[in-house]
Amino acid sequence: MFKHVDYLQFQAKPEKPDAFFAAKLQELVGGQFGEMTVMMQYLWQGWSCRVPGKHKDMIMDIATEEIGHVEMLTTMLARLLEGAPAEATEKAAAANPLLAAVLGGQNPQHAIVTGGGPMPTNSQGVPWNAGYIVASGNLLADFRSNVAAEAQSRLQTSRIYNMTDDRGIKDMLQFNLARDTYHQQQWLLGIEQLIEDGFTENGIEDSNAEHEHPEANHTFYSFDPESTAGEGRWARGPALNGRDDIVYVPDAQPLTDDRPLGPAPDPRLFVTYDGSMGKGKPGTGAGAHTQGVANVVNKIKGALD
């Protein structure tokens, strides 16, 4: 259950309408790293969290705060669009409000589609989509994605902050910058808490670690003979897994004699082929079905073994 308080978390009062700036501000609403993305990302992570108590509660608290941030931005957008589309100074556009809006830098959809309101899109009018969010069910992996999302969101907010002199807009964006600063810390501290609580040993996602190639999980391969990457911390010293020292391999070579060629192609597919691998195996729809059944049977047998 969610409850709504009829006040913004922080004020969203521009000094004056500015349809041109509203077109830019849309990026912070419905862009890939906009507030809609972090809102939906954290909500999905929170709803899916199977660790009751402080972990789930923390995720849901920040998710709920992000709903309020979307509300702040959409309110600001509506106020920036007050009176839009405004007439441009050019006399030639005076008789055509839409042309005037385009010349003035306004997003025409703000006038045509929403009647002077915000949209769930980025600054180019591309609709927000759920493919932007990360919610894997693994808190460690998700918290790392959240740090990156907050960093990108803060960076874009910082860039937009420098695109206006309106004190009202800057006031709200100063609050948003501060929250993104803390939220980065919140997720990093969340990773520390996961380590402290025993959900992960070292903050590295290492499921199925016992099946890794042991020599490859602490090796830096360089593929440029003139690379200077070996000078960095990532190529020397103890690995973060707490067990090994990093191995640096300059001018790395293939570890196999396997070449990237598939099998001989089905002759019915008319693939360009030199015949060096013999005649391809003809396939049919029925054959594909049979192969699929065989795959299922083999998986069941493997599980039983």
C-alpha atoms as a PDB file:
ATOM      1  CA  MET A   1       0.000   0.000   0.000  1.00  0.00           C
ATOM      2  CA  PHE A   2       1.240   3.473  -0.804  1.00  0.00           C
ATOM      3  CA  LYS A   3       0.117   6.728   0.781  1.00  0.00           C
ATOM      4  CA  HIS A   4       0.307  10.118  -0.884  1.00  0.00           C
ATOM      5  CA  VAL A   5       0.933  13.396   0.937  1.00  0.00           C
ATOM      6  CA  ASP A   6      -0.351  16.451  -0.896  1.00  0.00           C
ATOM      7  CA  TYR A   7       2.977  18.283  -0.683  1.00  0.00           C
ATOM      8  CA  LEU A   8       6.176  17.976  -2.683  1.00  0.00           C
ATOM      9  CA  GLN A   9       9.277  16.673  -0.927  1.00  0.00           C
ATOM     10  CA  PHE A  10      11.020  19.896  -2.028  1.00  0.00           C
ATOM     11  CA  GLN A  11       9.687  22.971  -3.799  1.00  0.00           C
ATOM     12  CA  ALA A  12       9.529  23.160  -7.600  1.00  0.00           C
ATOM     13  CA  LYS A  13       8.934  26.848  -8.305  1.00  0.00           C
ATOM     14  CA  PRO A  14      10.609  28.415 -11.351  1.00  0.00           C
ATOM     15  CA  GLU A  15      10.940  32.191 -11.456  1.00  0.00           C
ATOM     16  CA  LYS A  16       9.199  32.275 -14.821  1.00  0.00           C
ATOM     17  CA  PRO A  17       7.912  29.896 -17.532  1.00  0.00           C
ATOM     18  CA  ASP A  18      10.523  28.602 -19.946  1.00  0.00           C
ATOM     19  CA  ALA A  19       9.313  26.131 -22.583  1.00  0.00           C
ATOM     20  CA  PHE A  20      12.814  25.894 -24.066  1.00  0.00           C
ATOM     21  CA  PHE A  21      14.299  24.677 -20.787  1.00  0.00           C
ATOM     22  CA  ALA A  22      11.340  22.341 -20.239  1.00  0.00           C
ATOM     23  CA  ALA A  23      12.377  20.438 -23.371  1.00  0.00           C
ATOM     24  CA  LYS A  24      15.782  19.795 -21.769  1.00  0.00           C
ATOM     25  CA  LEU A  25      14.365  18.914 -18.356  1.00  0.00           C
ATOM     26  CA  GLN A  26      12.392  16.048 -19.927  1.00  0.00           C
ATOM     27  CA  GLU A  27      15.654  14.047 -19.963  1.00  0.00           C
ATOM     28  CA  LEU A  28      15.660  13.977 -16.163  1.00  0.00           C
ATOM     29  CA  VAL A  29      12.147  12.543 -16.181  1.00  0.00           C
ATOM     30  CA  GLY A  30      12.001   9.860 -18.850  1.00  0.00           C
ATOM     31  CA  GLY A  31      15.561   9.415 -20.088  1.00  0.00           C
ATOM     32  CA  GLN A  32      17.548   6.225 -19.626  1.00  0.00           C
ATOM     33  CA  PHE A  33      18.975   7.570 -16.369  1.00  0.00           C
ATOM     34  CA  GLY A  34      16.030   9.770 -15.454  1.00  0.00           C
ATOM     35  CA  GLU A  35      13.971   9.618 -12.281  1.00  0.00           C
ATOM     36  CA  MET A  36      11.412   7.262 -13.834  1.00  0.00           C
ATOM     37  CA  THR A  37      14.169   4.699 -14.305  1.00  0.00           C
ATOM     38  CA  VAL A  38      15.509   4.752 -10.763  1.00  0.00           C
ATOM     39  CA  MET A  39      11.949   4.857  -9.407  1.00  0.00           C
ATOM     40  CA  MET A  40      10.902   1.734 -11.300  1.00  0.00           C
ATOM     41  CA  GLN A  41      14.275   0.025 -10.759  1.00  0.00           C
ATOM     42  CA  TYR A  42      14.126   0.371  -6.992  1.00  0.00           C
ATOM     43  CA  LEU A  43      10.421  -0.483  -6.792  1.00  0.00           C
ATOM     44  CA  TRP A  44      10.982  -3.713  -8.707  1.00  0.00           C
ATOM     45  CA  GLN A  45      14.022  -4.575  -6.603  1.00  0.00           C
ATOM     46  CA  GLY A  46      12.086  -3.877  -3.414  1.00  0.00           C
ATOM     47  CA  TRP A  47       9.015  -5.846  -4.423  1.00  0.00           C
ATOM     48  CA  SER A  48      11.237  -8.765  -5.430  1.00  0.00           C
ATOM     49  CA  CYS A  49      13.479  -8.653  -2.330  1.00  0.00           C
ATOM     50  CA  ARG A  50      13.354 -11.893  -0.340  1.00  0.00           C
ATOM     51  CA  VAL A  51      15.322 -10.585   2.631  1.00  0.00           C
ATOM     52  CA  PRO A  52      12.804  -9.169   5.130  1.00  0.00           C
ATOM     53  CA  GLY A  53      13.792  -6.414   7.509  1.00  0.00           C
ATOM     54  CA  LYS A  54      16.231  -3.556   6.990  1.00  0.00           C
ATOM     55  CA  HIS A  55      17.395  -4.533   3.478  1.00  0.00           C
ATOM     56  CA  LYS A  56      13.920  -4.588   1.936  1.00  0.00           C
ATOM     57  CA  ASP A  57      12.799  -1.572   3.960  1.00  0.00           C
ATOM     58  CA  MET A  58      15.792   0.482   2.786  1.00  0.00           C
ATOM     59  CA  ILE A  59      15.110  -0.323  -0.860  1.00  0.00           C
ATOM     60  CA  MET A  60      11.426   0.551  -0.519  1.00  0.00           C
ATOM     61  CA  ASP A  61      12.207   3.816   1.285  1.00  0.00           C
ATOM     62  CA  ILE A  62      14.419   5.097  -1.516  1.00  0.00           C
ATOM     63  CA  ALA A  63      12.014   3.743  -4.155  1.00  0.00           C
ATOM     64  CA  THR A  64       9.168   5.684  -2.578  1.00  0.00           C
ATOM     65  CA  GLU A  65      11.307   8.816  -2.394  1.00  0.00           C
ATOM     66  CA  GLU A  66      11.961   8.502  -6.134  1.00  0.00           C
ATOM     67  CA  ILE A  67       8.209   8.543  -6.804  1.00  0.00           C
ATOM     68  CA  GLY A  68       8.245  11.936  -5.121  1.00  0.00           C
ATOM     69  CA  HIS A  69      11.153  13.069  -7.283  1.00  0.00           C
ATOM     70  CA  VAL A  70       9.186  12.262 -10.430  1.00  0.00           C
ATOM     71  CA  GLU A  71       6.328  14.306  -8.971  1.00  0.00           C
ATOM     72  CA  MET A  72       8.679  17.240  -8.302  1.00  0.00           C
ATOM     73  CA  LEU A  73      10.035  17.207 -11.838  1.00  0.00           C
ATOM     74  CA  THR A  74       6.640  16.857 -13.510  1.00  0.00           C
ATOM     75  CA  THR A  75       5.329  19.743 -11.407  1.00  0.00           C
ATOM     76  CA  MET A  76       8.308  21.849 -12.424  1.00  0.00           C
ATOM     77  CA  LEU A  77       7.717  20.961 -16.074  1.00  0.00           C
ATOM     78  CA  ALA A  78       4.053  21.979 -15.903  1.00  0.00           C
ATOM     79  CA  ARG A  79       5.028  25.324 -14.386  1.00  0.00           C
ATOM     80  CA  LEU A  80       7.745  25.898 -16.975  1.00  0.00           C
ATOM     81  CA  LEU A  81       5.183  25.271 -19.717  1.00  0.00           C
ATOM     82  CA  GLU A  82       2.657  27.775 -18.374  1.00  0.00           C
ATOM     83  CA  GLY A  83       1.430  29.880 -21.286  1.00  0.00           C
ATOM     84  CA  ALA A  84       3.210  27.776 -23.904  1.00  0.00           C
ATOM     85  CA  PRO A  85       3.409  27.794 -26.859  1.00  0.00           C
ATOM     86  CA  ALA A  86       4.713  31.351 -26.622  1.00  0.00           C
ATOM     87  CA  GLU A  87       5.144  33.567 -29.645  1.00  0.00           C
ATOM     88  CA  ALA A  88       8.638  33.951 -31.056  1.00  0.00           C
ATOM     89  CA  THR A  89      10.048  37.389 -31.704  1.00  0.00           C
ATOM     90  CA  GLU A  90      10.217  36.789 -35.442  1.00  0.00           C
ATOM     91  CA  LYS A  91       7.308  38.541 -37.152  1.00  0.00           C
ATOM     92  CA  ALA A  92       7.072  35.729 -39.677  1.00  0.00           C
ATOM     93  CA  ALA A  93       6.156  33.310 -36.906  1.00  0.00           C
ATOM     94  CA  ALA A  94       3.745  35.587 -35.090  1.00  0.00           C
ATOM     95  CA  ALA A  95       0.697  34.153 -36.843  1.00  0.00           C
ATOM     96  CA  ASN A  96       1.703  30.521 -36.267  1.00  0.00           C
ATOM     97  CA  PRO A  97       2.073  29.511 -32.587  1.00  0.00           C
ATOM     98  CA  LEU A  98       3.436  26.060 -33.465  1.00  0.00           C
ATOM     99  CA  LEU A  99       6.128  27.484 -35.735  1.00  0.00           C
ATOM    100  CA  ALA A 100       6.913  30.047 -33.049  1.00  0.00           C
ATOM    101  CA  ALA A 101       7.289  27.254 -30.500  1.00  0.00           C
ATOM    102  CA  VAL A 102       9.701  25.352 -32.736  1.00  0.00           C
ATOM    103  CA  LEU A 103      11.745  28.464 -33.410  1.00  0.00           C
ATOM    104  CA  GLY A 104      11.834  29.147 -29.687  1.00  0.00           C
ATOM    105  CA  GLY A 105      13.146  25.677 -28.882  1.00  0.00           C
ATOM    106  CA  GLN A 106       9.975  24.230 -27.335  1.00  0.00           C
ATOM    107  CA  ASN A 107       9.180  20.557 -27.734  1.00  0.00           C
ATOM    108  CA  PRO A 108       5.976  20.728 -29.846  1.00  0.00           C
ATOM    109  CA  GLN A 109       4.599  17.631 -28.094  1.00  0.00           C
ATOM    110  CA  HIS A 110       4.328  19.642 -24.893  1.00  0.00           C
ATOM    111  CA  ALA A 111       1.664  21.693 -26.647  1.00  0.00           C
ATOM    112  CA  ILE A 112       0.150  19.131 -29.027  1.00  0.00           C
ATOM    113  CA  VAL A 113       0.123  15.911 -26.997  1.00  0.00           C
ATOM    114  CA  THR A 114      -0.087  16.909 -23.333  1.00  0.00           C
ATOM    115  CA  GLY A 115      -1.660  20.350 -23.488  1.00  0.00           C
ATOM    116  CA  GLY A 116       1.184  22.035 -21.659  1.00  0.00           C
ATOM    117  CA  GLY A 117       2.112  19.155 -19.387  1.00  0.00           C
ATOM    118  CA  PRO A 118       5.060  16.794 -18.896  1.00  0.00           C
ATOM    119  CA  MET A 119       5.545  13.497 -20.723  1.00  0.00           C
ATOM    120  CA  PRO A 120       7.026  10.092 -19.768  1.00  0.00           C
ATOM    121  CA  THR A 121       9.726  10.546 -22.432  1.00  0.00           C
ATOM    122  CA  ASN A 122      13.291  11.700 -22.792  1.00  0.00           C
ATOM    123  CA  SER A 123      14.275  15.101 -24.183  1.00  0.00           C
ATOM    124  CA  GLN A 124      13.865  13.844 -27.758  1.00  0.00           C
ATOM    125  CA  GLY A 125      10.345  12.518 -27.195  1.00  0.00           C
ATOM    126  CA  VAL A 126      11.430   8.859 -27.067  1.00  0.00           C
ATOM    127  CA  PRO A 127       9.067   7.044 -24.636  1.00  0.00           C
ATOM    128  CA  TRP A 128      10.492   5.685 -21.419  1.00  0.00           C
ATOM    129  CA  ASN A 129      10.744   1.892 -21.481  1.00  0.00           C
ATOM    130  CA  ALA A 130      11.161  -0.841 -18.885  1.00  0.00           C
ATOM    131  CA  GLY A 131      14.299  -2.111 -20.614  1.00  0.00           C
ATOM    132  CA  TYR A 132      16.180   0.638 -18.762  1.00  0.00           C
ATOM    133  CA  ILE A 133      15.748  -0.969 -15.340  1.00  0.00           C
ATOM    134  CA  VAL A 134      17.848  -3.628 -13.581  1.00  0.00           C
ATOM    135  CA  ALA A 135      16.204  -5.915 -11.025  1.00  0.00           C
ATOM    136  CA  SER A 136      17.966  -9.286 -10.901  1.00  0.00           C
ATOM    137  CA  GLY A 137      16.937 -10.511  -7.453  1.00  0.00           C
ATOM    138  CA  ASN A 138      20.610 -10.486  -6.402  1.00  0.00           C
ATOM    139  CA  LEU A 139      21.044  -7.547  -4.026  1.00  0.00           C
ATOM    140  CA  LEU A 140      24.792  -7.233  -4.557  1.00  0.00           C
ATOM    141  CA  ALA A 141      24.507  -7.059  -8.350  1.00  0.00           C
ATOM    142  CA  ASP A 142      21.520  -4.718  -8.108  1.00  0.00           C
ATOM    143  CA  PHE A 143      23.172  -2.355  -5.618  1.00  0.00           C
ATOM    144  CA  ARG A 144      26.142  -1.970  -7.967  1.00  0.00           C
ATOM    145  CA  SER A 145      23.742  -1.111 -10.812  1.00  0.00           C
ATOM    146  CA  ASN A 146      22.071   1.400  -8.512  1.00  0.00           C
ATOM    147  CA  VAL A 147      25.359   3.184  -7.776  1.00  0.00           C
ATOM    148  CA  ALA A 148      25.939   3.578 -11.520  1.00  0.00           C
ATOM    149  CA  ALA A 149      22.353   4.748 -12.118  1.00  0.00           C
ATOM    150  CA  GLU A 150      22.629   7.422  -9.437  1.00  0.00           C
ATOM    151  CA  ALA A 151      26.012   8.571 -10.761  1.00  0.00           C
ATOM    152  CA  GLN A 152      24.670   8.948 -14.305  1.00  0.00           C
ATOM    153  CA  SER A 153      21.517  10.659 -13.056  1.00  0.00           C
ATOM    154  CA  ARG A 154      23.546  13.090 -10.980  1.00  0.00           C
ATOM    155  CA  LEU A 155      25.898  13.834 -13.876  1.00  0.00           C
ATOM    156  CA  GLN A 156      22.996  14.702 -16.174  1.00  0.00           C
ATOM    157  CA  THR A 157      21.355  16.816 -13.468  1.00  0.00           C
ATOM    158  CA  SER A 158      24.652  18.655 -13.014  1.00  0.00           C
ATOM    159  CA  ARG A 159      24.916  19.363 -16.745  1.00  0.00           C
ATOM    160  CA  ILE A 160      21.344  20.655 -16.926  1.00  0.00           C
ATOM    161  CA  TYR A 161      21.954  22.753 -13.793  1.00  0.00           C
ATOM    162  CA  ASN A 162      24.491  24.769 -15.794  1.00  0.00           C
ATOM    163  CA  MET A 163      21.984  25.422 -18.593  1.00  0.00           C
ATOM    164  CA  THR A 164      19.762  27.844 -16.671  1.00  0.00           C
ATOM    165  CA  ASP A 165      20.030  31.022 -14.599  1.00  0.00           C
ATOM    166  CA  ASP A 166      16.560  30.609 -13.099  1.00  0.00           C
ATOM    167  CA  ARG A 167      17.031  30.586  -9.319  1.00  0.00           C
ATOM    168  CA  GLY A 168      13.872  28.568  -8.726  1.00  0.00           C
ATOM    169  CA  ILE A 169      15.003  25.793 -11.055  1.00  0.00           C
ATOM    170  CA  LYS A 170      18.504  25.827  -9.616  1.00  0.00           C
ATOM    171  CA  ASP A 171      17.105  25.602  -6.093  1.00  0.00           C
ATOM    172  CA  MET A 172      15.257  22.362  -6.869  1.00  0.00           C
ATOM    173  CA  LEU A 173      18.177  20.913  -8.821  1.00  0.00           C
ATOM    174  CA  GLN A 174      20.520  21.662  -5.916  1.00  0.00           C
ATOM    175  CA  PHE A 175      18.316  19.445  -3.763  1.00  0.00           C
ATOM    176  CA  ASN A 176      18.291  16.733  -6.444  1.00  0.00           C
ATOM    177  CA  LEU A 177      22.085  16.868  -6.754  1.00  0.00           C
ATOM    178  CA  ALA A 178      22.402  16.410  -2.997  1.00  0.00           C
ATOM    179  CA  ARG A 179      20.038  13.436  -2.944  1.00  0.00           C
ATOM    180  CA  ASP A 180      21.913  11.752  -5.811  1.00  0.00           C
ATOM    181  CA  THR A 181      25.155  12.307  -3.890  1.00  0.00           C
ATOM    182  CA  TYR A 182      23.742  10.555  -0.846  1.00  0.00           C
ATOM    183  CA  HIS A 183      21.995   7.815  -2.798  1.00  0.00           C
ATOM    184  CA  GLN A 184      25.315   6.766  -4.327  1.00  0.00           C
ATOM    185  CA  GLN A 185      26.662   6.426  -0.796  1.00  0.00           C
ATOM    186  CA  GLN A 186      23.515   4.622   0.319  1.00  0.00           C
ATOM    187  CA  TRP A 187      23.980   1.816  -2.194  1.00  0.00           C
ATOM    188  CA  LEU A 188      27.735   1.575  -1.517  1.00  0.00           C
ATOM    189  CA  LEU A 189      27.012   1.348   2.204  1.00  0.00           C
ATOM    190  CA  GLY A 190      24.358  -1.231   1.362  1.00  0.00           C
ATOM    191  CA  ILE A 191      27.088  -3.381  -0.199  1.00  0.00           C
ATOM    192  CA  GLU A 192      29.143  -3.005   2.996  1.00  0.00           C
ATOM    193  CA  GLN A 193      26.073  -4.128   4.951  1.00  0.00           C
ATOM    194  CA  LEU A 194      25.634  -7.180   2.719  1.00  0.00           C
ATOM    195  CA  ILE A 195      29.235  -8.145   3.484  1.00  0.00           C
ATOM    196  CA  GLU A 196      28.769  -7.523   7.205  1.00  0.00           C
ATOM    197  CA  ASP A 197      25.596  -9.616   7.256  1.00  0.00           C
ATOM    198  CA  GLY A 198      27.281 -12.502   5.451  1.00  0.00           C
ATOM    199  CA  PHE A 199      25.414 -12.377   2.140  1.00  0.00           C
ATOM    200  CA  THR A 200      28.703 -11.970   0.246  1.00  0.00           C
ATOM    201  CA  GLU A 201      32.329 -12.394   1.287  1.00  0.00           C
ATOM    202  CA  ASN A 202      34.000  -9.513  -0.494  1.00  0.00           C
ATOM    203  CA  GLY A 203      31.497  -7.518  -2.516  1.00  0.00           C
ATOM    204  CA  ILE A 204      32.281  -9.398  -5.734  1.00  0.00           C
ATOM    205  CA  GLU A 205      29.417 -11.313  -7.373  1.00  0.00           C
ATOM    206  CA  ASP A 206      30.943 -14.798  -7.461  1.00  0.00           C
ATOM    207  CA  SER A 207      28.108 -17.313  -7.682  1.00  0.00           C
ATOM    208  CA  ASN A 208      29.399 -20.690  -8.903  1.00  0.00           C
ATOM    209  CA  ALA A 209      32.909 -19.562  -7.923  1.00  0.00           C
ATOM    210  CA  GLU A 210      33.964 -23.161  -7.345  1.00  0.00           C
ATOM    211  CA  HIS A 211      33.478 -23.841 -11.061  1.00  0.00           C
ATOM    212  CA  GLU A 212      35.568 -20.901 -12.322  1.00  0.00           C
ATOM    213  CA  HIS A 213      38.827 -21.367 -14.170  1.00  0.00           C
ATOM    214  CA  PRO A 214      41.046 -20.555 -11.165  1.00  0.00           C
ATOM    215  CA  GLU A 215      43.880 -19.080 -13.228  1.00  0.00           C
ATOM    216  CA  ALA A 216      41.531 -16.685 -15.071  1.00  0.00           C
ATOM    217  CA  ASN A 217      39.740 -15.090 -12.096  1.00  0.00           C
ATOM    218  CA  HIS A 218      42.709 -12.907 -11.086  1.00  0.00           C
ATOM    219  CA  THR A 219      44.474 -12.308 -14.428  1.00  0.00           C
ATOM    220  CA  PHE A 220      44.615  -9.082 -16.449  1.00  0.00           C
ATOM    221  CA  TYR A 221      45.043  -9.843 -20.160  1.00  0.00           C
ATOM    222  CA  SER A 222      46.433  -7.018 -22.295  1.00  0.00           C
ATOM    223  CA  PHE A 223      45.936  -7.271 -26.067  1.00  0.00           C
ATOM    224  CA  ASP A 224      48.102  -4.356 -27.184  1.00  0.00           C
ATOM    225  CA  PRO A 225      51.912  -4.810 -27.190  1.00  0.00           C
ATOM    226  CA  GLU A 226      52.299  -1.084 -26.432  1.00  0.00           C
ATOM    227  CA  SER A 227      49.613  -0.948 -23.740  1.00  0.00           C
ATOM    228  CA  THR A 228      50.390   0.920 -20.515  1.00  0.00           C
ATOM    229  CA  ALA A 229      47.490  -0.690 -18.664  1.00  0.00           C
ATOM    230  CA  GLY A 230      49.951  -2.751 -16.630  1.00  0.00           C
ATOM    231  CA  GLU A 231      50.844   0.394 -14.684  1.00  0.00           C
ATOM    232  CA  GLY A 232      47.429   0.521 -13.003  1.00  0.00           C
ATOM    233  CA  ARG A 233      46.329  -0.966  -9.699  1.00  0.00           C
ATOM    234  CA  TRP A 234      43.967  -3.257 -11.631  1.00  0.00           C
ATOM    235  CA  ALA A 235      47.002  -5.100 -13.028  1.00  0.00           C
ATOM    236  CA  ARG A 236      49.043  -5.613  -9.865  1.00  0.00           C
ATOM    237  CA  GLY A 237      48.748  -6.254  -6.151  1.00  0.00           C
ATOM    238  CA  PRO A 238      46.198  -8.364  -4.288  1.00  0.00           C
ATOM    239  CA  ALA A 239      42.940  -9.250  -6.044  1.00  0.00           C
ATOM    240  CA  LEU A 240      39.733  -8.143  -4.368  1.00  0.00           C
ATOM    241  CA  ASN A 241      38.681 -11.753  -3.845  1.00  0.00           C
ATOM    242  CA  GLY A 242      41.091 -11.788  -0.890  1.00  0.00           C
ATOM    243  CA  ARG A 243      42.824 -14.963  -2.041  1.00  0.00           C
ATOM    244  CA  ASP A 244      45.099 -14.222  -4.990  1.00  0.00           C
ATOM    245  CA  ASP A 245      47.565 -11.709  -6.376  1.00  0.00           C
ATOM    246  CA  ILE A 246      46.708 -10.210  -9.765  1.00  0.00           C
ATOM    247  CA  VAL A 247      48.684 -11.615 -12.680  1.00  0.00           C
ATOM    248  CA  TYR A 248      49.451  -9.271 -15.599  1.00  0.00           C
ATOM    249  CA  VAL A 249      49.827 -10.864 -19.047  1.00  0.00           C
ATOM    250  CA  PRO A 250      51.198  -8.438 -21.678  1.00  0.00           C
ATOM    251  CA  ASP A 251      50.482  -9.046 -25.369  1.00  0.00           C
ATOM    252  CA  ALA A 252      48.094 -11.880 -24.532  1.00  0.00           C
ATOM    253  CA  GLN A 253      47.844 -14.808 -26.932  1.00  0.00           C
ATOM    254  CA  PRO A 254      44.968 -17.255 -27.627  1.00  0.00           C
ATOM    255  CA  LEU A 255      44.536 -19.966 -25.006  1.00  0.00           C
ATOM    256  CA  THR A 256      43.138 -22.429 -27.548  1.00  0.00           C
ATOM    257  CA  ASP A 257      43.569 -23.618 -31.135  1.00  0.00           C
ATOM    258  CA  ASP A 258      39.809 -23.394 -31.676  1.00  0.00           C
ATOM    259  CA  ARG A 259      38.958 -21.160 -34.654  1.00  0.00           C
ATOM    260  CA  PRO A 260      35.687 -19.209 -34.986  1.00  0.00           C
ATOM    261  CA  LEU A 261      34.020 -21.366 -37.646  1.00  0.00           C
ATOM    262  CA  GLY A 262      30.647 -22.998 -37.309  1.00  0.00           C
ATOM    263  CA  PRO A 263      29.799 -26.438 -38.762  1.00  0.00           C
ATOM    264  CA  ALA A 264      29.076 -27.037 -42.422  1.00  0.00           C
ATOM    265  CA  PRO A 265      25.808 -25.234 -43.202  1.00  0.00           C
ATOM    266  CA  ASP A 266      22.508 -26.797 -44.160  1.00  0.00           C
ATOM    267  CA  PRO A 267      22.522 -26.837 -48.002  1.00  0.00           C
ATOM    268  CA  ARG A 268      18.875 -25.697 -48.009  1.00  0.00           C
ATOM    269  CA  LEU A 269      19.895 -22.402 -46.400  1.00  0.00           C
ATOM    270  CA  PHE A 270      22.084 -21.467 -49.413  1.00  0.00           C
ATOM    271  CA  VAL A 271      24.958 -20.151 -47.281  1.00  0.00           C
ATOM    272  CA  THR A 272      28.196 -19.124 -49.006  1.00  0.00           C
ATOM    273  CA  TYR A 273      30.499 -22.043 -48.208  1.00  0.00           C
ATOM    274  CA  ASP A 274      33.744 -23.426 -49.670  1.00  0.00           C
ATOM    275  CA  GLY A 275      33.045 -27.103 -48.878  1.00  0.00           C
ATOM    276  CA  SER A 276      36.162 -27.531 -46.704  1.00  0.00           C
ATOM    277  CA  MET A 277      34.180 -29.019 -43.827  1.00  0.00           C
ATOM    278  CA  GLY A 278      32.239 -31.525 -45.869  1.00  0.00           C
ATOM    279  CA  LYS A 279      28.558 -31.645 -46.686  1.00  0.00           C
ATOM    280  CA  GLY A 280      26.193 -29.953 -44.284  1.00  0.00           C
ATOM    281  CA  LYS A 281      23.424 -31.826 -42.517  1.00  0.00           C
ATOM    282  CA  PRO A 282      20.006 -31.034 -44.082  1.00  0.00           C
ATOM    283  CA  GLY A 283      17.474 -29.913 -41.506  1.00  0.00           C
ATOM    284  CA  THR A 284      13.667 -29.666 -41.368  1.00  0.00           C
ATOM    285  CA  GLY A 285      11.124 -28.193 -39.005  1.00  0.00           C
ATOM    286  CA  ALA A 286      10.433 -31.671 -37.697  1.00  0.00           C
ATOM    287  CA  GLY A 287      14.154 -32.149 -37.150  1.00  0.00           C
ATOM    288  CA  ALA A 288      14.309 -28.966 -35.088  1.00  0.00           C
ATOM    289  CA  HIS A 289      11.408 -30.223 -32.965  1.00  0.00           C
ATOM    290  CA  THR A 290      13.157 -33.564 -32.461  1.00  0.00           C
ATOM    291  CA  GLN A 291      16.356 -31.811 -31.477  1.00  0.00           C
ATOM    292  CA  GLY A 292      14.453 -29.693 -28.957  1.00  0.00           C
ATOM    293  CA  VAL A 293      12.884 -32.774 -27.372  1.00  0.00           C
ATOM    294  CA  ALA A 294      16.323 -34.411 -27.197  1.00  0.00           C
ATOM    295  CA  ASN A 295      17.719 -31.340 -25.447  1.00  0.00           C
ATOM    296  CA  VAL A 296      14.974 -31.511 -22.815  1.00  0.00           C
ATOM    297  CA  VAL A 297      15.558 -35.239 -22.268  1.00  0.00           C
ATOM    298  CA  ASN A 298      19.304 -34.693 -21.889  1.00  0.00           C
ATOM    299  CA  LYS A 299      18.733 -31.909 -19.345  1.00  0.00           C
ATOM    300  CA  ILE A 300      16.469 -34.184 -17.289  1.00  0.00           C
ATOM    301  CA  LYS A 301      19.011 -36.999 -17.440  1.00  0.00           C
ATOM    302  CA  GLY A 302      21.775 -34.610 -16.418  1.00  0.00           C
ATOM    303  CA  ALA A 303      19.754 -33.383 -13.452  1.00  0.00           C
ATOM    304  CA  LEU A 304      19.039 -36.975 -12.320  1.00  0.00           C
ATOM    305  CA  ASP A 305      22.709 -37.932 -12.647  1.00  0.00           C
END
